[in-house]
N, C-alpha and C. Protein backbone atom coordinates (compact mmCIF):
# COMPACT_ATOMS: atom_id res chain seq x y z
N MET A 1 25.48 165.07 70.51
CA MET A 1 24.99 164.10 71.49
C MET A 1 24.63 164.82 72.79
N ARG A 2 23.62 164.35 73.45
CA ARG A 2 23.24 164.99 74.71
C ARG A 2 24.04 164.42 75.86
N ALA A 3 24.03 165.14 76.99
CA ALA A 3 24.71 164.65 78.17
C ALA A 3 24.11 163.32 78.59
N PRO A 4 24.95 162.39 79.13
CA PRO A 4 24.44 161.05 79.40
C PRO A 4 23.57 160.98 80.63
N GLN A 5 22.61 160.08 80.59
CA GLN A 5 22.06 159.60 81.84
C GLN A 5 23.17 158.79 82.50
N ARG A 6 22.97 158.40 83.73
CA ARG A 6 24.06 157.74 84.44
C ARG A 6 24.46 156.46 83.72
N GLY A 7 25.73 156.43 83.25
CA GLY A 7 26.22 155.27 82.53
C GLY A 7 25.81 155.25 81.08
N GLY A 8 25.23 156.35 80.56
CA GLY A 8 24.68 156.35 79.21
C GLY A 8 25.65 156.83 78.16
N ALA A 9 25.12 157.35 77.07
CA ALA A 9 25.92 157.73 75.91
C ALA A 9 26.76 158.97 76.20
N PRO A 10 27.85 159.16 75.43
CA PRO A 10 28.69 160.34 75.62
C PRO A 10 27.90 161.62 75.40
N GLY A 11 28.33 162.67 76.08
CA GLY A 11 27.66 163.96 75.97
C GLY A 11 28.51 164.96 75.22
N PRO A 12 28.14 166.26 75.26
CA PRO A 12 28.87 167.29 74.54
C PRO A 12 30.34 167.32 74.95
N GLY A 13 31.24 167.36 73.96
CA GLY A 13 32.66 167.34 74.25
C GLY A 13 33.23 165.94 74.38
N GLU A 14 32.38 164.92 74.22
CA GLU A 14 32.84 163.54 74.37
C GLU A 14 32.71 162.78 73.04
N GLU A 15 32.74 163.51 71.92
CA GLU A 15 32.53 162.90 70.62
C GLU A 15 33.65 161.93 70.28
N HIS A 16 33.31 160.88 69.52
CA HIS A 16 34.24 159.82 69.18
C HIS A 16 35.32 160.30 68.21
N ASN A 17 36.56 159.84 68.43
CA ASN A 17 37.68 160.14 67.56
C ASN A 17 38.11 158.86 66.86
N PRO A 18 37.88 158.73 65.56
CA PRO A 18 38.20 157.49 64.86
C PRO A 18 39.69 157.33 64.57
N GLY A 19 40.49 158.39 64.72
CA GLY A 19 41.91 158.33 64.41
C GLY A 19 42.77 157.98 65.60
N PRO A 20 44.08 158.23 65.51
CA PRO A 20 44.99 157.95 66.62
C PRO A 20 44.63 158.78 67.85
N PRO A 21 44.85 158.24 69.05
CA PRO A 21 44.51 158.99 70.26
C PRO A 21 45.29 160.30 70.36
N SER A 22 44.62 161.34 70.81
CA SER A 22 45.28 162.62 71.05
C SER A 22 45.88 162.62 72.45
N THR A 23 46.86 163.49 72.66
CA THR A 23 47.49 163.60 73.97
C THR A 23 46.61 164.44 74.90
N PRO A 24 46.27 163.92 76.07
CA PRO A 24 45.41 164.71 76.98
C PRO A 24 46.10 166.00 77.42
N ARG A 25 45.34 167.06 77.48
CA ARG A 25 45.85 168.34 77.97
C ARG A 25 45.66 168.41 79.48
N GLN A 26 46.66 168.93 80.18
CA GLN A 26 46.56 169.07 81.63
C GLN A 26 45.47 170.09 81.99
N ALA A 27 44.67 169.75 82.99
CA ALA A 27 43.57 170.62 83.39
C ALA A 27 43.34 170.49 84.89
N ALA A 28 42.60 171.44 85.44
CA ALA A 28 42.31 171.44 86.87
C ALA A 28 40.88 171.93 87.10
N THR A 29 40.24 171.37 88.11
CA THR A 29 38.85 171.69 88.44
C THR A 29 38.72 171.85 89.95
N VAL A 30 37.88 172.80 90.36
CA VAL A 30 37.61 173.00 91.78
C VAL A 30 36.17 172.62 92.10
N ILE A 31 36.01 171.71 93.03
CA ILE A 31 34.69 171.40 93.58
C ILE A 31 34.54 172.30 94.80
N LEU A 32 33.84 173.42 94.62
CA LEU A 32 33.68 174.39 95.71
C LEU A 32 32.54 173.95 96.61
N LEU A 33 32.78 173.99 97.92
CA LEU A 33 31.87 173.42 98.91
C LEU A 33 31.38 174.48 99.88
N ARG A 34 30.17 174.25 100.39
CA ARG A 34 29.69 175.02 101.54
C ARG A 34 28.79 174.12 102.37
N GLY A 35 28.69 174.48 103.67
CA GLY A 35 27.84 173.69 104.56
C GLY A 35 28.50 173.33 105.88
N GLY A 36 29.84 173.45 105.94
CA GLY A 36 30.54 173.21 107.20
C GLY A 36 30.30 171.84 107.79
N GLU A 37 29.97 171.81 109.08
CA GLU A 37 29.79 170.54 109.81
C GLU A 37 28.38 169.97 109.64
N HIS A 38 27.48 170.72 109.02
CA HIS A 38 26.08 170.33 109.06
C HIS A 38 25.47 169.98 107.71
N ALA A 39 26.14 170.31 106.62
CA ALA A 39 25.54 170.07 105.30
C ALA A 39 26.65 170.01 104.26
N LEU A 40 26.24 169.66 103.05
CA LEU A 40 27.19 169.61 101.93
C LEU A 40 26.48 170.07 100.66
N GLU A 41 26.92 171.20 100.13
CA GLU A 41 26.46 171.69 98.84
C GLU A 41 27.67 171.96 97.97
N VAL A 42 27.49 171.81 96.66
CA VAL A 42 28.58 172.06 95.71
C VAL A 42 28.14 173.11 94.70
N LEU A 43 29.10 173.85 94.20
CA LEU A 43 28.81 174.89 93.21
C LEU A 43 28.95 174.31 91.80
N LEU A 44 27.93 174.52 90.98
CA LEU A 44 27.99 174.20 89.56
C LEU A 44 27.75 175.47 88.76
N VAL A 45 28.47 175.61 87.66
CA VAL A 45 28.28 176.75 86.78
C VAL A 45 27.85 176.25 85.41
N LYS A 46 27.04 177.03 84.73
CA LYS A 46 26.55 176.66 83.40
C LYS A 46 27.40 177.32 82.32
N ARG A 47 28.02 176.50 81.49
CA ARG A 47 28.80 177.03 80.37
C ARG A 47 27.87 177.64 79.33
N THR A 48 28.33 178.69 78.69
CA THR A 48 27.50 179.33 77.68
C THR A 48 27.12 178.34 76.58
N PRO A 49 25.88 178.37 76.13
CA PRO A 49 25.48 177.49 75.03
C PRO A 49 26.27 177.75 73.74
N LYS A 50 26.92 178.91 73.64
CA LYS A 50 27.69 179.24 72.45
C LYS A 50 29.04 178.54 72.39
N ALA A 51 29.48 177.95 73.50
CA ALA A 51 30.79 177.31 73.55
C ALA A 51 30.82 176.08 72.65
N ARG A 52 31.93 175.90 71.93
CA ARG A 52 32.08 174.72 71.07
C ARG A 52 32.25 173.45 71.89
N PHE A 53 32.86 173.58 73.07
CA PHE A 53 33.12 172.43 73.92
C PHE A 53 32.19 172.48 75.13
N MET A 54 31.33 171.49 75.26
CA MET A 54 30.40 171.37 76.40
C MET A 54 29.51 172.60 76.55
N GLY A 55 29.04 173.14 75.45
CA GLY A 55 28.14 174.29 75.52
C GLY A 55 26.83 173.95 76.21
N GLY A 56 26.41 174.80 77.15
CA GLY A 56 25.15 174.63 77.85
C GLY A 56 25.17 173.61 78.98
N VAL A 57 26.32 173.03 79.25
CA VAL A 57 26.42 171.99 80.28
C VAL A 57 26.78 172.63 81.62
N TRP A 58 26.28 172.04 82.70
CA TRP A 58 26.62 172.47 84.06
C TRP A 58 27.84 171.67 84.54
N VAL A 59 28.85 172.39 85.05
CA VAL A 59 30.12 171.76 85.42
C VAL A 59 30.64 172.38 86.72
N PHE A 60 31.64 171.74 87.29
CA PHE A 60 32.43 172.37 88.34
C PHE A 60 33.38 173.37 87.66
N PRO A 61 33.66 174.53 88.28
CA PRO A 61 34.58 175.48 87.65
C PRO A 61 35.94 174.84 87.39
N GLY A 62 36.49 175.09 86.21
CA GLY A 62 37.79 174.53 85.90
C GLY A 62 38.16 174.76 84.45
N GLY A 63 39.37 174.33 84.09
CA GLY A 63 39.84 174.50 82.73
C GLY A 63 41.26 174.04 82.57
N ALA A 64 41.82 174.28 81.40
CA ALA A 64 43.16 173.80 81.06
C ALA A 64 44.24 174.60 81.78
N VAL A 65 45.36 173.93 82.04
CA VAL A 65 46.54 174.59 82.60
C VAL A 65 47.19 175.42 81.51
N ASP A 66 47.48 176.68 81.81
CA ASP A 66 48.17 177.54 80.85
C ASP A 66 49.66 177.22 80.81
N ALA A 67 50.28 177.45 79.66
CA ALA A 67 51.69 177.11 79.49
C ALA A 67 52.56 177.83 80.52
N GLN A 68 52.25 179.08 80.82
CA GLN A 68 53.09 179.85 81.75
C GLN A 68 52.97 179.37 83.19
N GLU A 69 51.94 178.53 83.46
CA GLU A 69 51.79 178.00 84.82
C GLU A 69 52.69 176.79 85.07
N GLY A 70 53.35 176.32 84.00
CA GLY A 70 54.31 175.23 84.17
C GLY A 70 53.64 173.87 84.11
N ASP A 71 54.18 172.93 84.90
CA ASP A 71 53.60 171.60 84.93
C ASP A 71 53.70 171.04 86.34
N GLY A 72 53.10 169.88 86.55
CA GLY A 72 53.12 169.26 87.86
C GLY A 72 52.06 169.81 88.80
N ASP A 73 52.14 169.38 90.05
CA ASP A 73 51.12 169.71 91.04
C ASP A 73 50.96 171.21 91.26
N GLU A 74 52.07 171.94 91.29
CA GLU A 74 51.99 173.39 91.52
C GLU A 74 51.24 174.08 90.41
N ALA A 75 51.48 173.66 89.17
CA ALA A 75 50.78 174.27 88.03
C ALA A 75 49.30 173.93 88.05
N GLN A 76 48.97 172.71 88.42
CA GLN A 76 47.56 172.30 88.48
C GLN A 76 46.81 173.11 89.54
N ARG A 77 47.45 173.33 90.67
CA ARG A 77 46.82 174.13 91.73
C ARG A 77 46.66 175.58 91.30
N ALA A 78 47.68 176.11 90.62
CA ALA A 78 47.59 177.50 90.14
C ALA A 78 46.45 177.64 89.14
N ALA A 79 46.31 176.66 88.24
CA ALA A 79 45.23 176.71 87.27
C ALA A 79 43.87 176.60 87.94
N ALA A 80 43.78 175.75 88.96
CA ALA A 80 42.51 175.59 89.68
C ALA A 80 42.08 176.92 90.32
N VAL A 81 43.01 177.59 90.97
CA VAL A 81 42.71 178.87 91.61
C VAL A 81 42.31 179.90 90.56
N ARG A 82 43.05 179.95 89.45
CA ARG A 82 42.76 180.93 88.40
C ARG A 82 41.39 180.68 87.78
N GLU A 83 41.08 179.44 87.46
CA GLU A 83 39.80 179.13 86.82
C GLU A 83 38.62 179.43 87.74
N LEU A 84 38.77 179.15 89.03
CA LEU A 84 37.69 179.45 89.96
C LEU A 84 37.45 180.96 90.03
N ARG A 85 38.53 181.72 90.01
CA ARG A 85 38.39 183.18 90.03
C ARG A 85 37.74 183.69 88.74
N GLU A 86 38.16 183.15 87.59
CA GLU A 86 37.65 183.62 86.31
C GLU A 86 36.20 183.21 86.09
N GLU A 87 35.84 181.99 86.48
CA GLU A 87 34.51 181.46 86.16
C GLU A 87 33.47 181.72 87.25
N ALA A 88 33.92 181.89 88.50
CA ALA A 88 32.96 182.05 89.59
C ALA A 88 33.25 183.22 90.50
N SER A 89 34.29 184.02 90.19
CA SER A 89 34.63 185.23 90.96
C SER A 89 34.92 184.91 92.43
N VAL A 90 35.47 183.73 92.68
CA VAL A 90 35.87 183.34 94.04
C VAL A 90 37.38 183.25 94.09
N SER A 91 37.99 183.95 95.05
CA SER A 91 39.44 183.98 95.19
C SER A 91 39.86 183.14 96.38
N LEU A 92 40.67 182.13 96.13
CA LEU A 92 41.19 181.29 97.20
C LEU A 92 42.52 181.86 97.68
N PRO A 93 42.71 181.98 99.00
CA PRO A 93 43.91 182.64 99.51
C PRO A 93 45.19 181.83 99.35
N ASP A 94 45.09 180.51 99.25
CA ASP A 94 46.30 179.69 99.25
C ASP A 94 46.05 178.41 98.45
N ALA A 95 46.71 178.30 97.31
CA ALA A 95 46.53 177.12 96.47
C ALA A 95 46.98 175.84 97.18
N ALA A 96 47.90 175.97 98.11
CA ALA A 96 48.40 174.80 98.84
C ALA A 96 47.33 174.17 99.72
N GLN A 97 46.27 174.93 100.02
CA GLN A 97 45.21 174.42 100.88
C GLN A 97 44.17 173.62 100.11
N LEU A 98 44.23 173.63 98.78
CA LEU A 98 43.34 172.79 97.99
C LEU A 98 43.57 171.32 98.34
N VAL A 99 42.50 170.57 98.44
CA VAL A 99 42.58 169.15 98.78
C VAL A 99 42.33 168.33 97.52
N LYS A 100 43.34 167.57 97.09
CA LYS A 100 43.18 166.78 95.87
C LYS A 100 42.18 165.66 96.12
N PHE A 101 41.21 165.53 95.21
CA PHE A 101 40.15 164.55 95.39
C PHE A 101 40.19 163.43 94.36
N SER A 102 40.51 163.76 93.10
CA SER A 102 40.51 162.73 92.07
C SER A 102 41.30 163.22 90.86
N ARG A 103 41.52 162.28 89.95
CA ARG A 103 42.19 162.58 88.69
C ARG A 103 41.54 161.74 87.60
N TRP A 104 40.99 162.42 86.60
CA TRP A 104 40.28 161.72 85.52
C TRP A 104 40.96 162.02 84.19
N ILE A 105 41.18 160.98 83.40
CA ILE A 105 41.78 161.11 82.08
C ILE A 105 40.73 160.72 81.04
N THR A 106 40.47 161.61 80.10
CA THR A 106 39.47 161.35 79.07
C THR A 106 39.82 160.09 78.28
N PRO A 107 38.83 159.26 77.98
CA PRO A 107 39.10 158.03 77.22
C PRO A 107 39.84 158.30 75.91
N ALA A 108 40.65 157.31 75.49
CA ALA A 108 41.50 157.47 74.31
C ALA A 108 40.71 157.66 73.03
N VAL A 109 39.47 157.17 72.99
CA VAL A 109 38.69 157.26 71.74
C VAL A 109 37.90 158.56 71.64
N VAL A 110 38.05 159.46 72.61
CA VAL A 110 37.33 160.73 72.59
C VAL A 110 38.19 161.80 71.92
N LYS A 111 37.55 162.67 71.15
CA LYS A 111 38.27 163.66 70.36
C LYS A 111 39.02 164.66 71.23
N THR A 112 38.33 165.28 72.18
CA THR A 112 38.94 166.30 73.03
C THR A 112 39.27 165.68 74.38
N ARG A 113 40.56 165.60 74.71
CA ARG A 113 40.99 164.86 75.90
C ARG A 113 41.66 165.78 76.92
N PHE A 114 41.41 165.49 78.19
CA PHE A 114 42.04 166.21 79.30
C PHE A 114 42.51 165.23 80.36
N ASP A 115 43.57 165.60 81.02
CA ASP A 115 44.05 164.91 82.22
C ASP A 115 43.74 165.87 83.36
N THR A 116 42.58 165.68 83.99
CA THR A 116 42.02 166.68 84.90
C THR A 116 42.20 166.28 86.36
N HIS A 117 42.74 167.21 87.13
CA HIS A 117 42.93 167.03 88.56
C HIS A 117 41.82 167.79 89.28
N PHE A 118 41.03 167.08 90.08
CA PHE A 118 39.91 167.67 90.80
C PHE A 118 40.33 167.97 92.24
N PHE A 119 40.09 169.20 92.66
CA PHE A 119 40.43 169.65 94.01
C PHE A 119 39.17 170.07 94.76
N LEU A 120 39.20 169.89 96.07
CA LEU A 120 38.13 170.37 96.95
C LEU A 120 38.57 171.66 97.62
N ALA A 121 37.61 172.58 97.81
CA ALA A 121 37.89 173.81 98.55
C ALA A 121 36.60 174.31 99.16
N GLU A 122 36.68 174.85 100.36
CA GLU A 122 35.53 175.48 100.99
C GLU A 122 35.38 176.92 100.50
N LEU A 123 34.15 177.37 100.37
CA LEU A 123 33.89 178.76 100.02
C LEU A 123 34.48 179.66 101.10
N PRO A 124 35.41 180.57 100.74
CA PRO A 124 35.98 181.46 101.76
C PRO A 124 34.93 182.36 102.38
N ALA A 125 35.11 182.64 103.65
CA ALA A 125 34.18 183.50 104.36
C ALA A 125 34.10 184.88 103.70
N GLY A 126 32.87 185.39 103.57
CA GLY A 126 32.66 186.72 103.03
C GLY A 126 32.61 186.80 101.52
N GLN A 127 32.76 185.68 100.84
CA GLN A 127 32.72 185.69 99.38
C GLN A 127 31.44 185.00 98.88
N GLU A 128 30.96 185.47 97.74
CA GLU A 128 29.83 184.85 97.07
C GLU A 128 30.18 184.70 95.59
N PRO A 129 29.94 183.54 95.01
CA PRO A 129 30.28 183.35 93.60
C PRO A 129 29.40 184.17 92.68
N ALA A 130 29.95 184.49 91.51
CA ALA A 130 29.21 185.20 90.47
C ALA A 130 29.81 184.81 89.13
N VAL A 131 28.99 184.74 88.09
CA VAL A 131 29.48 184.38 86.76
C VAL A 131 29.74 185.64 85.94
N ASP A 132 30.59 185.48 84.91
CA ASP A 132 30.94 186.63 84.09
C ASP A 132 29.92 186.91 82.98
N GLY A 133 28.98 185.96 82.76
CA GLY A 133 27.97 186.16 81.74
C GLY A 133 28.45 185.87 80.33
N GLN A 134 29.72 185.50 80.17
CA GLN A 134 30.26 185.19 78.86
C GLN A 134 30.64 183.71 78.77
N GLU A 135 31.71 183.32 79.45
CA GLU A 135 32.09 181.90 79.45
C GLU A 135 31.09 181.07 80.25
N CYS A 136 30.65 181.61 81.37
CA CYS A 136 29.65 180.95 82.21
C CYS A 136 28.47 181.91 82.38
N VAL A 137 27.25 181.37 82.26
CA VAL A 137 26.08 182.25 82.22
C VAL A 137 25.13 182.05 83.39
N ASP A 138 25.38 181.07 84.23
CA ASP A 138 24.51 180.83 85.38
C ASP A 138 25.28 180.00 86.39
N LEU A 139 24.79 179.96 87.62
CA LEU A 139 25.40 179.14 88.66
C LEU A 139 24.34 178.71 89.65
N GLY A 140 24.68 177.74 90.46
CA GLY A 140 23.78 177.30 91.51
C GLY A 140 24.49 176.43 92.52
N TRP A 141 23.98 176.47 93.75
CA TRP A 141 24.44 175.56 94.80
C TRP A 141 23.48 174.38 94.84
N PHE A 142 24.03 173.18 94.86
CA PHE A 142 23.22 171.96 94.83
C PHE A 142 23.75 170.96 95.85
N THR A 143 22.83 170.23 96.47
CA THR A 143 23.28 169.01 97.13
C THR A 143 23.62 168.03 96.01
N PRO A 144 24.56 167.12 96.24
CA PRO A 144 24.88 166.16 95.17
C PRO A 144 23.66 165.40 94.68
N GLN A 145 22.82 164.94 95.60
CA GLN A 145 21.64 164.19 95.21
C GLN A 145 20.64 165.07 94.47
N GLY A 146 20.52 166.32 94.91
CA GLY A 146 19.60 167.23 94.24
C GLY A 146 20.01 167.49 92.80
N ALA A 147 21.30 167.66 92.56
CA ALA A 147 21.78 167.87 91.19
C ALA A 147 21.51 166.65 90.33
N LEU A 148 21.74 165.45 90.87
CA LEU A 148 21.50 164.22 90.11
C LEU A 148 20.02 164.06 89.79
N GLU A 149 19.16 164.41 90.73
CA GLU A 149 17.72 164.30 90.49
C GLU A 149 17.27 165.28 89.40
N GLU A 150 17.81 166.49 89.41
CA GLU A 150 17.46 167.45 88.37
C GLU A 150 17.97 166.98 87.01
N HIS A 151 19.14 166.36 87.00
CA HIS A 151 19.67 165.81 85.75
C HIS A 151 18.77 164.70 85.21
N ASP A 152 18.38 163.79 86.10
CA ASP A 152 17.53 162.68 85.67
C ASP A 152 16.19 163.17 85.16
N ALA A 153 15.75 164.33 85.67
CA ALA A 153 14.48 164.91 85.22
C ALA A 153 14.62 165.73 83.94
N GLY A 154 15.85 165.78 83.40
CA GLY A 154 16.08 166.52 82.17
C GLY A 154 16.23 168.01 82.35
N GLN A 155 16.45 168.48 83.59
CA GLN A 155 16.49 169.90 83.87
C GLN A 155 17.91 170.44 84.05
N LEU A 156 18.91 169.55 84.15
CA LEU A 156 20.27 169.99 84.45
C LEU A 156 21.24 169.16 83.61
N PRO A 157 21.65 169.65 82.44
CA PRO A 157 22.56 168.88 81.59
C PRO A 157 23.93 168.69 82.26
N LEU A 158 24.35 167.46 82.39
CA LEU A 158 25.63 167.10 83.01
C LEU A 158 26.37 166.13 82.11
N VAL A 159 27.70 166.11 82.23
CA VAL A 159 28.49 165.11 81.52
C VAL A 159 28.96 164.04 82.52
N PHE A 160 29.44 162.94 81.97
CA PHE A 160 29.72 161.74 82.75
C PHE A 160 30.62 161.98 83.96
N PRO A 161 31.78 162.66 83.82
CA PRO A 161 32.63 162.85 85.00
C PRO A 161 31.94 163.62 86.12
N THR A 162 31.14 164.62 85.77
CA THR A 162 30.42 165.38 86.80
C THR A 162 29.42 164.50 87.51
N ILE A 163 28.71 163.67 86.76
CA ILE A 163 27.74 162.75 87.35
C ILE A 163 28.42 161.82 88.34
N LYS A 164 29.53 161.24 87.93
CA LYS A 164 30.22 160.28 88.79
C LYS A 164 30.80 160.94 90.04
N HIS A 165 31.26 162.16 89.91
CA HIS A 165 31.74 162.86 91.11
C HIS A 165 30.58 163.18 92.05
N LEU A 166 29.45 163.60 91.51
CA LEU A 166 28.29 163.87 92.36
C LEU A 166 27.84 162.61 93.09
N GLU A 167 27.89 161.48 92.42
CA GLU A 167 27.54 160.22 93.08
C GLU A 167 28.48 159.92 94.24
N GLN A 168 29.77 160.18 94.06
CA GLN A 168 30.72 159.97 95.16
C GLN A 168 30.47 160.95 96.30
N LEU A 169 30.25 162.21 95.95
CA LEU A 169 30.06 163.24 96.97
C LEU A 169 28.80 163.00 97.79
N GLY A 170 27.80 162.35 97.18
CA GLY A 170 26.55 162.09 97.87
C GLY A 170 26.67 161.16 99.05
N ALA A 171 27.82 160.50 99.20
CA ALA A 171 28.03 159.59 100.32
C ALA A 171 28.38 160.32 101.61
N PHE A 172 28.58 161.64 101.54
CA PHE A 172 29.03 162.40 102.70
C PHE A 172 27.95 163.37 103.17
N ALA A 173 27.80 163.45 104.48
CA ALA A 173 26.73 164.26 105.06
C ALA A 173 27.12 165.72 105.25
N SER A 174 28.42 166.02 105.24
CA SER A 174 28.85 167.38 105.51
C SER A 174 30.19 167.65 104.82
N VAL A 175 30.50 168.93 104.70
CA VAL A 175 31.80 169.33 104.15
C VAL A 175 32.92 168.82 105.03
N THR A 176 32.75 168.92 106.33
CA THR A 176 33.77 168.47 107.26
C THR A 176 34.08 166.99 107.07
N GLU A 177 33.04 166.19 106.94
CA GLU A 177 33.23 164.74 106.75
C GLU A 177 33.94 164.45 105.43
N LEU A 178 33.54 165.14 104.37
CA LEU A 178 34.14 164.93 103.07
C LEU A 178 35.63 165.29 103.08
N LEU A 179 35.97 166.44 103.62
CA LEU A 179 37.37 166.87 103.63
C LEU A 179 38.24 165.94 104.47
N ALA A 180 37.71 165.46 105.58
CA ALA A 180 38.48 164.52 106.40
C ALA A 180 38.77 163.24 105.63
N HIS A 181 37.79 162.79 104.87
CA HIS A 181 37.98 161.59 104.04
C HIS A 181 39.01 161.85 102.94
N ALA A 182 38.88 162.98 102.27
CA ALA A 182 39.73 163.27 101.11
C ALA A 182 41.18 163.46 101.51
N ARG A 183 41.42 164.04 102.67
CA ARG A 183 42.81 164.29 103.10
C ARG A 183 43.55 162.98 103.39
N GLY A 184 42.80 161.91 103.61
CA GLY A 184 43.46 160.65 103.94
C GLY A 184 43.51 159.65 102.81
N ARG A 185 43.07 160.04 101.62
CA ARG A 185 42.99 159.08 100.51
C ARG A 185 44.14 159.25 99.53
N THR A 186 44.47 158.16 98.84
CA THR A 186 45.44 158.19 97.76
C THR A 186 44.70 158.33 96.44
N VAL A 187 45.03 159.34 95.67
CA VAL A 187 44.35 159.59 94.41
C VAL A 187 44.96 158.71 93.33
N VAL A 188 44.11 157.90 92.70
CA VAL A 188 44.53 157.01 91.62
C VAL A 188 43.87 157.49 90.33
N PRO A 189 44.63 157.65 89.24
CA PRO A 189 44.04 158.12 87.99
C PRO A 189 42.93 157.19 87.50
N VAL A 190 41.87 157.78 87.00
CA VAL A 190 40.75 157.03 86.44
C VAL A 190 40.66 157.38 84.95
N GLU A 191 40.74 156.36 84.10
CA GLU A 191 40.56 156.57 82.66
C GLU A 191 39.41 155.69 82.19
N PRO A 192 38.21 156.24 82.04
CA PRO A 192 37.08 155.44 81.57
C PRO A 192 37.32 154.88 80.18
N ARG A 193 36.60 153.83 79.86
CA ARG A 193 36.61 153.26 78.52
C ARG A 193 35.23 153.41 77.90
N ILE A 194 35.19 153.68 76.61
CA ILE A 194 33.92 153.75 75.89
C ILE A 194 33.81 152.49 75.03
N VAL A 195 32.77 151.73 75.25
CA VAL A 195 32.54 150.49 74.52
C VAL A 195 31.35 150.71 73.59
N LEU A 196 31.58 150.50 72.30
CA LEU A 196 30.53 150.67 71.30
C LEU A 196 29.81 149.34 71.09
N GLU A 197 28.51 149.36 71.28
CA GLU A 197 27.67 148.17 71.06
C GLU A 197 26.63 148.56 70.01
N GLY A 198 26.99 148.32 68.73
CA GLY A 198 26.14 148.80 67.65
C GLY A 198 26.20 150.31 67.59
N GLU A 199 25.06 150.96 67.75
CA GLU A 199 25.02 152.43 67.74
C GLU A 199 24.97 153.00 69.15
N VAL A 200 25.10 152.14 70.14
CA VAL A 200 25.03 152.57 71.54
C VAL A 200 26.43 152.57 72.14
N ALA A 201 26.78 153.65 72.83
CA ALA A 201 28.06 153.76 73.51
C ALA A 201 27.85 153.65 75.02
N ARG A 202 28.63 152.76 75.65
CA ARG A 202 28.60 152.63 77.11
C ARG A 202 29.94 153.07 77.67
N ILE A 203 29.90 153.78 78.78
CA ILE A 203 31.11 154.24 79.44
C ILE A 203 31.36 153.34 80.65
N LEU A 204 32.54 152.74 80.69
CA LEU A 204 32.90 151.81 81.76
C LEU A 204 34.05 152.39 82.58
N LEU A 205 34.01 152.11 83.88
CA LEU A 205 35.08 152.53 84.78
C LEU A 205 35.92 151.35 85.20
N PRO A 206 37.17 151.59 85.62
CA PRO A 206 38.00 150.48 86.09
C PRO A 206 37.28 149.67 87.16
N GLY A 207 37.34 148.33 87.01
CA GLY A 207 36.67 147.44 87.96
C GLY A 207 35.30 146.98 87.52
N GLU A 208 34.71 147.68 86.54
CA GLU A 208 33.38 147.25 86.03
C GLU A 208 33.55 146.16 85.00
N GLU A 209 32.56 145.31 84.90
CA GLU A 209 32.60 144.19 83.96
C GLU A 209 32.72 144.71 82.53
N GLY A 210 33.66 144.15 81.78
CA GLY A 210 33.86 144.57 80.41
C GLY A 210 34.94 145.58 80.22
N TYR A 211 35.48 146.15 81.34
CA TYR A 211 36.52 147.18 81.22
C TYR A 211 37.81 146.56 80.70
């Protein structure tokens, strides 16, 4: 299945699971920002097309929490820092400075499930991201609206959670404004539902009609 248009069918890694729900694996993602007081851009990396899970899709750097990292908030932050370093060659000096932005749990009917904690972080001074050419093969800085427009034009494959985060981020004019908002918010877990209507799958969020 291809990555969804906004609100559309499931994309790569979101295939239907007809059996009992699997237990979501703990994961962490970093929405890396640049622009300071005057602009807002986010870093997206392209996963290798060879990957079995979300191959060829553009995502925020992130991945599963390793067993040795433990559990809870400290483990999620450690995983976020590690994944950003591995996938984008950016080293954050202090995991405690990550700003928690959201928490998404993959729908129960999806085969591969994650309980993903999304963190915000500014690009540290003097660093520039780079991909390893294996797990991730390309990267780019995008305004949230610019990324969504490229996706709608068929030029930037995205999956549903990335699309929804970009839509939220597009409400802010600068990194400073976004971080001020995020530091004052309470993060509530979001678990989308997939509703099958014949051969068409719709993804619904809490509060939407039919959820």
